[in-house]
Amino acid sequence: MKLPALILAAALPTTAMAGPDRISFLLGSEHINATRDFREFNPGVFLTWERKTFDYSIGLFQNSYSNVSPLISIGYDIELAEELEVGAFAGFAVYPGEGDQFSHSIGDVIPLLGLQARYRSVFAQLLPADGQSTDGVLTFGVTFALD
């Protein structure tokens, strides 16, 4: 079994005990001050379990190098107004065969840390980078509650 499948298999037993609360579709990204070409259309799908303090997500997306990456993350959000949330998140994504493209990695596993915001059904995330090939990545997509 490949590492991406192992990561998702390990995450599923704890999160799948109750159905997910939200489904999100990643659409794309903008690499800020990029020094090389990156894929900016990054389709993906994520399931999120919203708990009292933290949110937990798992999913898959096409990364900026055109490969499929699984992701697991934890987030903390604050509601600023009705239907407007801001927060922070941390997680891990697997970039198959591309771990050497990052200044921080554990093989092909990349730690992620950033800020996020959601207004109604639109979300965005900002991930800072080391400035070697980009100063940061802004991702965006749509999200829907699963009531």
N, C-alpha and C. Protein backbone atom coordinates (compact mmCIF):
# COMPACT_ATOMS: atom_id res chain seq x y z
N MET A 1 0.85 -1.18 0.00
CA MET A 1 0.00 0.00 0.00
C MET A 1 0.90 1.24 0.00
N LYS A 2 0.60 2.20 -0.83
CA LYS A 2 1.40 3.41 -0.93
C LYS A 2 1.14 4.33 0.25
N LEU A 3 2.10 5.22 0.53
CA LEU A 3 2.02 6.12 1.67
C LEU A 3 0.75 6.98 1.67
N PRO A 4 0.32 7.59 0.53
CA PRO A 4 -0.92 8.38 0.58
C PRO A 4 -2.12 7.57 1.05
N ALA A 5 -2.23 6.34 0.59
CA ALA A 5 -3.35 5.50 1.00
C ALA A 5 -3.24 5.14 2.47
N LEU A 6 -2.03 4.93 2.97
CA LEU A 6 -1.84 4.62 4.38
C LEU A 6 -2.25 5.78 5.28
N ILE A 7 -1.92 7.00 4.87
CA ILE A 7 -2.29 8.17 5.67
C ILE A 7 -3.80 8.30 5.75
N LEU A 8 -4.48 8.17 4.61
CA LEU A 8 -5.95 8.26 4.64
C LEU A 8 -6.56 7.12 5.42
N ALA A 9 -6.02 5.91 5.28
CA ALA A 9 -6.56 4.76 6.01
C ALA A 9 -6.40 4.95 7.51
N ALA A 10 -5.30 5.57 7.94
CA ALA A 10 -5.09 5.81 9.37
C ALA A 10 -6.04 6.87 9.90
N ALA A 11 -6.39 7.85 9.07
CA ALA A 11 -7.25 8.94 9.51
C ALA A 11 -8.73 8.55 9.53
N LEU A 12 -9.14 7.64 8.67
CA LEU A 12 -10.55 7.32 8.54
C LEU A 12 -11.21 6.71 9.77
N PRO A 13 -10.60 5.77 10.48
CA PRO A 13 -11.32 5.18 11.61
C PRO A 13 -11.74 6.18 12.67
N THR A 14 -10.94 7.21 12.93
CA THR A 14 -11.30 8.16 13.96
C THR A 14 -12.32 9.18 13.48
N THR A 15 -12.23 9.56 12.21
CA THR A 15 -13.14 10.58 11.71
C THR A 15 -14.45 10.01 11.19
N ALA A 16 -14.45 8.78 10.74
CA ALA A 16 -15.64 8.22 10.11
C ALA A 16 -16.67 7.70 11.10
N MET A 17 -16.42 7.81 12.41
CA MET A 17 -17.39 7.34 13.40
C MET A 17 -18.70 8.10 13.29
N ALA A 18 -18.65 9.34 12.91
CA ALA A 18 -19.84 10.15 12.65
C ALA A 18 -19.63 10.79 11.29
N GLY A 19 -20.71 11.02 10.58
CA GLY A 19 -20.59 11.58 9.25
C GLY A 19 -19.95 12.96 9.25
N PRO A 20 -19.32 13.33 8.13
CA PRO A 20 -18.73 14.66 8.04
C PRO A 20 -19.79 15.75 8.08
N ASP A 21 -19.39 16.93 8.52
CA ASP A 21 -20.29 18.07 8.62
C ASP A 21 -20.22 19.00 7.41
N ARG A 22 -19.14 18.88 6.64
CA ARG A 22 -18.92 19.83 5.55
C ARG A 22 -18.14 19.14 4.43
N ILE A 23 -18.44 19.52 3.20
CA ILE A 23 -17.66 19.08 2.04
C ILE A 23 -17.15 20.34 1.34
N SER A 24 -15.88 20.31 0.96
CA SER A 24 -15.25 21.46 0.32
C SER A 24 -14.59 21.03 -0.98
N PHE A 25 -14.65 21.90 -1.96
CA PHE A 25 -14.05 21.64 -3.26
C PHE A 25 -12.98 22.71 -3.52
N LEU A 26 -11.74 22.27 -3.56
CA LEU A 26 -10.64 23.17 -3.89
C LEU A 26 -10.68 23.42 -5.39
N LEU A 27 -10.54 24.67 -5.77
CA LEU A 27 -10.56 25.02 -7.18
C LEU A 27 -9.18 25.41 -7.71
N GLY A 28 -8.47 26.22 -6.95
CA GLY A 28 -7.19 26.66 -7.48
C GLY A 28 -6.32 27.33 -6.46
N SER A 29 -5.22 27.89 -6.97
CA SER A 29 -4.25 28.55 -6.11
C SER A 29 -3.56 29.67 -6.87
N GLU A 30 -2.95 30.54 -6.12
CA GLU A 30 -2.12 31.60 -6.67
C GLU A 30 -0.81 31.57 -5.89
N HIS A 31 0.29 31.33 -6.61
CA HIS A 31 1.61 31.30 -5.99
C HIS A 31 2.16 32.73 -6.01
N ILE A 32 2.32 33.30 -4.84
CA ILE A 32 2.69 34.71 -4.70
C ILE A 32 4.18 34.89 -4.99
N ASN A 33 4.49 35.78 -5.93
CA ASN A 33 5.87 36.07 -6.33
C ASN A 33 6.65 34.81 -6.71
N ALA A 34 6.01 33.94 -7.47
CA ALA A 34 6.65 32.68 -7.88
C ALA A 34 7.81 32.94 -8.83
N THR A 35 8.88 32.18 -8.65
CA THR A 35 10.04 32.28 -9.54
C THR A 35 10.03 31.21 -10.61
N ARG A 36 8.99 30.37 -10.63
CA ARG A 36 8.84 29.31 -11.63
C ARG A 36 7.36 29.08 -11.88
N ASP A 37 7.04 28.30 -12.88
CA ASP A 37 5.64 28.02 -13.19
C ASP A 37 5.11 26.91 -12.30
N PHE A 38 3.94 27.15 -11.74
CA PHE A 38 3.23 26.15 -10.94
C PHE A 38 1.85 25.96 -11.54
N ARG A 39 1.28 24.80 -11.32
CA ARG A 39 -0.10 24.54 -11.72
C ARG A 39 -1.00 25.34 -10.78
N GLU A 40 -1.87 26.17 -11.34
CA GLU A 40 -2.76 27.02 -10.54
C GLU A 40 -4.18 26.47 -10.46
N PHE A 41 -4.52 25.50 -11.31
CA PHE A 41 -5.82 24.83 -11.23
C PHE A 41 -5.57 23.56 -10.44
N ASN A 42 -6.10 23.49 -9.21
CA ASN A 42 -5.81 22.40 -8.29
C ASN A 42 -7.09 21.77 -7.76
N PRO A 43 -7.83 21.06 -8.58
CA PRO A 43 -9.09 20.49 -8.09
C PRO A 43 -8.85 19.51 -6.94
N GLY A 44 -9.77 19.55 -5.98
CA GLY A 44 -9.67 18.64 -4.85
C GLY A 44 -10.98 18.59 -4.09
N VAL A 45 -11.09 17.60 -3.22
CA VAL A 45 -12.29 17.45 -2.40
C VAL A 45 -11.84 17.09 -0.98
N PHE A 46 -12.51 17.72 0.00
CA PHE A 46 -12.17 17.52 1.41
C PHE A 46 -13.44 17.32 2.21
N LEU A 47 -13.38 16.43 3.18
CA LEU A 47 -14.46 16.23 4.14
C LEU A 47 -14.00 16.78 5.48
N THR A 48 -14.90 17.51 6.16
CA THR A 48 -14.54 18.14 7.44
C THR A 48 -15.54 17.75 8.51
N TRP A 49 -14.99 17.41 9.67
CA TRP A 49 -15.77 17.13 10.86
C TRP A 49 -15.61 18.33 11.77
N GLU A 50 -16.69 19.06 12.00
CA GLU A 50 -16.65 20.27 12.83
C GLU A 50 -17.00 19.89 14.26
N ARG A 51 -16.04 20.05 15.14
CA ARG A 51 -16.24 19.73 16.54
C ARG A 51 -16.25 21.02 17.36
N LYS A 52 -16.46 20.90 18.65
CA LYS A 52 -16.65 22.08 19.50
C LYS A 52 -15.47 23.06 19.42
N THR A 53 -14.25 22.56 19.49
CA THR A 53 -13.08 23.44 19.48
C THR A 53 -12.35 23.41 18.14
N PHE A 54 -12.10 22.23 17.61
CA PHE A 54 -11.32 22.08 16.38
C PHE A 54 -12.14 21.42 15.27
N ASP A 55 -11.71 21.67 14.05
CA ASP A 55 -12.26 21.00 12.87
C ASP A 55 -11.19 20.06 12.33
N TYR A 56 -11.60 18.89 11.84
CA TYR A 56 -10.68 17.90 11.30
C TYR A 56 -11.06 17.63 9.86
N SER A 57 -10.07 17.64 8.97
CA SER A 57 -10.34 17.43 7.53
C SER A 57 -9.42 16.39 6.95
N ILE A 58 -9.95 15.67 5.96
CA ILE A 58 -9.16 14.76 5.13
C ILE A 58 -9.59 14.99 3.70
N GLY A 59 -8.70 14.73 2.77
CA GLY A 59 -9.08 14.87 1.38
C GLY A 59 -7.94 14.62 0.42
N LEU A 60 -8.23 14.87 -0.84
CA LEU A 60 -7.28 14.70 -1.94
C LEU A 60 -7.35 15.92 -2.83
N PHE A 61 -6.21 16.32 -3.40
CA PHE A 61 -6.20 17.42 -4.35
C PHE A 61 -5.06 17.24 -5.35
N GLN A 62 -5.19 17.87 -6.48
CA GLN A 62 -4.12 17.87 -7.46
C GLN A 62 -3.16 19.00 -7.08
N ASN A 63 -1.94 18.65 -6.75
CA ASN A 63 -1.01 19.66 -6.25
C ASN A 63 -0.43 20.51 -7.37
N SER A 64 0.38 21.45 -7.01
CA SER A 64 0.94 22.42 -7.96
C SER A 64 1.97 21.81 -8.90
N TYR A 65 2.34 20.54 -8.66
CA TYR A 65 3.25 19.82 -9.54
C TYR A 65 2.51 18.81 -10.40
N SER A 66 1.16 18.85 -10.36
CA SER A 66 0.26 18.02 -11.17
C SER A 66 0.08 16.59 -10.68
N ASN A 67 0.49 16.28 -9.46
CA ASN A 67 0.25 14.96 -8.89
C ASN A 67 -0.86 15.04 -7.84
N VAL A 68 -1.43 13.89 -7.51
CA VAL A 68 -2.49 13.83 -6.51
C VAL A 68 -1.86 13.73 -5.12
N SER A 69 -2.34 14.57 -4.20
CA SER A 69 -1.83 14.60 -2.83
C SER A 69 -2.96 14.38 -1.84
N PRO A 70 -2.81 13.42 -0.91
CA PRO A 70 -3.74 13.32 0.21
C PRO A 70 -3.34 14.33 1.28
N LEU A 71 -4.31 14.74 2.07
CA LEU A 71 -4.08 15.75 3.10
C LEU A 71 -4.90 15.42 4.33
N ILE A 72 -4.33 15.67 5.51
CA ILE A 72 -5.07 15.64 6.76
C ILE A 72 -4.75 16.95 7.47
N SER A 73 -5.75 17.54 8.14
CA SER A 73 -5.49 18.82 8.82
C SER A 73 -6.42 19.01 10.00
N ILE A 74 -6.02 19.94 10.84
CA ILE A 74 -6.82 20.37 11.98
C ILE A 74 -6.91 21.89 11.89
N GLY A 75 -8.09 22.42 12.19
CA GLY A 75 -8.28 23.86 12.10
C GLY A 75 -8.99 24.42 13.31
N TYR A 76 -8.78 25.69 13.53
CA TYR A 76 -9.45 26.42 14.61
C TYR A 76 -9.98 27.71 14.02
N ASP A 77 -11.28 27.92 14.12
CA ASP A 77 -11.91 29.10 13.52
C ASP A 77 -12.65 29.92 14.58
N ILE A 78 -12.73 31.22 14.30
CA ILE A 78 -13.49 32.15 15.13
C ILE A 78 -14.54 32.79 14.24
N GLU A 79 -15.79 32.81 14.70
CA GLU A 79 -16.86 33.44 13.93
C GLU A 79 -16.83 34.94 14.21
N LEU A 80 -16.56 35.73 13.17
CA LEU A 80 -16.52 37.18 13.31
C LEU A 80 -17.88 37.82 13.09
N ALA A 81 -18.66 37.22 12.22
CA ALA A 81 -20.01 37.70 11.91
C ALA A 81 -20.78 36.51 11.36
N GLU A 82 -22.07 36.70 11.19
CA GLU A 82 -22.87 35.62 10.65
C GLU A 82 -22.32 35.21 9.29
N GLU A 83 -21.98 33.94 9.16
CA GLU A 83 -21.45 33.34 7.93
C GLU A 83 -20.03 33.80 7.57
N LEU A 84 -19.29 34.41 8.52
CA LEU A 84 -17.91 34.81 8.29
C LEU A 84 -17.03 34.25 9.41
N GLU A 85 -16.08 33.39 9.03
CA GLU A 85 -15.15 32.80 9.97
C GLU A 85 -13.71 33.03 9.51
N VAL A 86 -12.81 33.21 10.45
CA VAL A 86 -11.38 33.25 10.17
C VAL A 86 -10.68 32.35 11.17
N GLY A 87 -9.52 31.83 10.78
CA GLY A 87 -8.82 30.94 11.69
C GLY A 87 -7.47 30.52 11.16
N ALA A 88 -6.96 29.48 11.78
CA ALA A 88 -5.67 28.93 11.43
C ALA A 88 -5.81 27.42 11.26
N PHE A 89 -4.87 26.83 10.53
CA PHE A 89 -4.89 25.39 10.35
C PHE A 89 -3.47 24.86 10.27
N ALA A 90 -3.34 23.57 10.53
CA ALA A 90 -2.07 22.86 10.41
C ALA A 90 -2.39 21.47 9.91
N GLY A 91 -1.46 20.89 9.20
CA GLY A 91 -1.70 19.55 8.70
C GLY A 91 -0.49 19.00 7.97
N PHE A 92 -0.75 17.91 7.26
CA PHE A 92 0.28 17.25 6.47
C PHE A 92 -0.32 16.86 5.12
N ALA A 93 0.47 17.02 4.07
CA ALA A 93 0.10 16.56 2.74
C ALA A 93 1.24 15.74 2.18
N VAL A 94 0.91 14.75 1.38
CA VAL A 94 1.92 13.93 0.73
C VAL A 94 2.08 14.44 -0.70
N TYR A 95 3.30 14.79 -1.06
CA TYR A 95 3.64 15.22 -2.42
C TYR A 95 4.53 14.13 -3.01
N PRO A 96 3.93 13.13 -3.68
CA PRO A 96 4.69 11.97 -4.15
C PRO A 96 5.89 12.35 -5.04
N GLY A 97 7.09 11.97 -4.59
CA GLY A 97 8.30 12.21 -5.36
C GLY A 97 8.76 13.65 -5.38
N GLU A 98 8.14 14.53 -4.58
CA GLU A 98 8.46 15.95 -4.64
C GLU A 98 8.89 16.55 -3.30
N GLY A 99 9.16 15.74 -2.31
CA GLY A 99 9.56 16.25 -1.01
C GLY A 99 10.81 17.12 -1.07
N ASP A 100 11.68 16.84 -2.04
CA ASP A 100 12.91 17.63 -2.16
C ASP A 100 12.67 19.04 -2.70
N GLN A 101 11.44 19.34 -3.13
CA GLN A 101 11.09 20.67 -3.61
C GLN A 101 10.82 21.64 -2.45
N PHE A 102 10.74 21.12 -1.23
CA PHE A 102 10.37 21.91 -0.06
C PHE A 102 11.53 21.99 0.92
N SER A 103 11.66 23.13 1.59
CA SER A 103 12.72 23.27 2.57
C SER A 103 12.41 22.48 3.85
N HIS A 104 11.13 22.21 4.11
CA HIS A 104 10.73 21.43 5.27
C HIS A 104 9.90 20.25 4.80
N SER A 105 10.39 19.05 5.00
CA SER A 105 9.64 17.85 4.64
C SER A 105 10.17 16.66 5.42
N ILE A 106 9.34 15.64 5.48
CA ILE A 106 9.73 14.35 6.04
C ILE A 106 9.56 13.38 4.89
N GLY A 107 10.60 13.21 4.09
CA GLY A 107 10.47 12.47 2.85
C GLY A 107 9.55 13.26 1.92
N ASP A 108 8.44 12.66 1.52
CA ASP A 108 7.46 13.33 0.66
C ASP A 108 6.29 13.90 1.45
N VAL A 109 6.35 13.86 2.77
CA VAL A 109 5.29 14.41 3.62
C VAL A 109 5.66 15.86 3.97
N ILE A 110 4.75 16.77 3.63
CA ILE A 110 4.99 18.20 3.78
C ILE A 110 4.12 18.73 4.92
N PRO A 111 4.72 19.36 5.94
CA PRO A 111 3.91 20.00 6.97
C PRO A 111 3.29 21.29 6.42
N LEU A 112 2.06 21.53 6.78
CA LEU A 112 1.34 22.73 6.33
C LEU A 112 0.92 23.55 7.53
N LEU A 113 0.94 24.87 7.36
CA LEU A 113 0.52 25.78 8.41
C LEU A 113 0.05 27.05 7.72
N GLY A 114 -1.10 27.56 8.11
CA GLY A 114 -1.57 28.77 7.46
C GLY A 114 -2.80 29.37 8.11
N LEU A 115 -3.30 30.39 7.45
CA LEU A 115 -4.51 31.09 7.88
C LEU A 115 -5.63 30.74 6.91
N GLN A 116 -6.87 30.81 7.39
CA GLN A 116 -8.01 30.49 6.54
C GLN A 116 -9.18 31.39 6.85
N ALA A 117 -10.04 31.54 5.87
CA ALA A 117 -11.26 32.33 6.03
C ALA A 117 -12.37 31.70 5.20
N ARG A 118 -13.60 31.85 5.70
CA ARG A 118 -14.77 31.37 4.96
C ARG A 118 -15.86 32.42 5.08
N TYR A 119 -16.43 32.77 3.94
CA TYR A 119 -17.61 33.63 3.91
C TYR A 119 -18.68 32.90 3.10
N ARG A 120 -19.76 32.57 3.77
CA ARG A 120 -20.82 31.77 3.17
C ARG A 120 -20.23 30.50 2.58
N SER A 121 -20.28 30.33 1.26
CA SER A 121 -19.80 29.10 0.64
C SER A 121 -18.45 29.25 -0.05
N VAL A 122 -17.73 30.33 0.24
CA VAL A 122 -16.44 30.55 -0.38
C VAL A 122 -15.36 30.51 0.70
N PHE A 123 -14.26 29.82 0.41
CA PHE A 123 -13.16 29.78 1.38
C PHE A 123 -11.85 30.13 0.70
N ALA A 124 -10.90 30.57 1.52
CA ALA A 124 -9.54 30.84 1.06
C ALA A 124 -8.58 30.47 2.18
N GLN A 125 -7.38 30.05 1.78
CA GLN A 125 -6.34 29.74 2.74
C GLN A 125 -5.04 30.40 2.27
N LEU A 126 -4.24 30.86 3.20
CA LEU A 126 -2.95 31.46 2.89
C LEU A 126 -1.88 30.67 3.61
N LEU A 127 -0.96 30.10 2.81
CA LEU A 127 0.14 29.32 3.35
C LEU A 127 1.45 30.06 3.07
N PRO A 128 2.17 30.49 4.09
CA PRO A 128 3.44 31.16 3.85
C PRO A 128 4.47 30.15 3.32
N ALA A 129 5.44 30.64 2.58
CA ALA A 129 6.50 29.79 2.04
C ALA A 129 7.85 30.42 2.37
N ASP A 130 8.92 29.72 2.04
CA ASP A 130 10.26 30.16 2.41
C ASP A 130 10.87 31.16 1.44
N GLY A 131 10.19 31.50 0.36
CA GLY A 131 10.70 32.48 -0.59
C GLY A 131 11.66 31.94 -1.62
N GLN A 132 11.96 30.64 -1.57
CA GLN A 132 12.88 30.07 -2.56
C GLN A 132 12.25 30.04 -3.95
N SER A 133 11.01 29.54 -4.04
CA SER A 133 10.33 29.52 -5.34
C SER A 133 9.01 30.28 -5.31
N THR A 134 8.53 30.61 -4.12
CA THR A 134 7.32 31.42 -3.95
C THR A 134 7.31 31.98 -2.52
N ASP A 135 6.68 33.12 -2.36
CA ASP A 135 6.58 33.71 -1.02
C ASP A 135 5.41 33.14 -0.22
N GLY A 136 4.47 32.54 -0.92
CA GLY A 136 3.31 31.96 -0.28
C GLY A 136 2.34 31.45 -1.32
N VAL A 137 1.33 30.74 -0.84
CA VAL A 137 0.32 30.19 -1.73
C VAL A 137 -1.05 30.56 -1.18
N LEU A 138 -1.88 31.14 -2.02
CA LEU A 138 -3.26 31.45 -1.69
C LEU A 138 -4.13 30.43 -2.41
N THR A 139 -4.88 29.62 -1.66
CA THR A 139 -5.79 28.64 -2.27
C THR A 139 -7.22 29.11 -2.06
N PHE A 140 -8.13 28.61 -2.89
CA PHE A 140 -9.52 29.02 -2.80
C PHE A 140 -10.44 27.96 -3.36
N GLY A 141 -11.70 28.00 -2.91
CA GLY A 141 -12.68 27.05 -3.38
C GLY A 141 -14.05 27.34 -2.78
N VAL A 142 -14.91 26.33 -2.86
CA VAL A 142 -16.26 26.44 -2.33
C VAL A 142 -16.49 25.33 -1.31
N THR A 143 -17.38 25.61 -0.36
CA THR A 143 -17.65 24.66 0.72
C THR A 143 -19.14 24.67 1.04
N PHE A 144 -19.64 23.51 1.46
CA PHE A 144 -21.07 23.37 1.74
C PHE A 144 -21.27 22.52 2.99
N ALA A 145 -22.20 22.94 3.83
CA ALA A 145 -22.57 22.16 5.01
C ALA A 145 -23.34 20.94 4.57
N LEU A 146 -23.13 19.83 5.26
CA LEU A 146 -23.84 18.58 4.98
C LEU A 146 -24.87 18.37 6.09
N ASP A 147 -26.01 19.00 5.99
CA ASP A 147 -27.04 18.89 7.04
C ASP A 147 -27.90 17.68 6.84
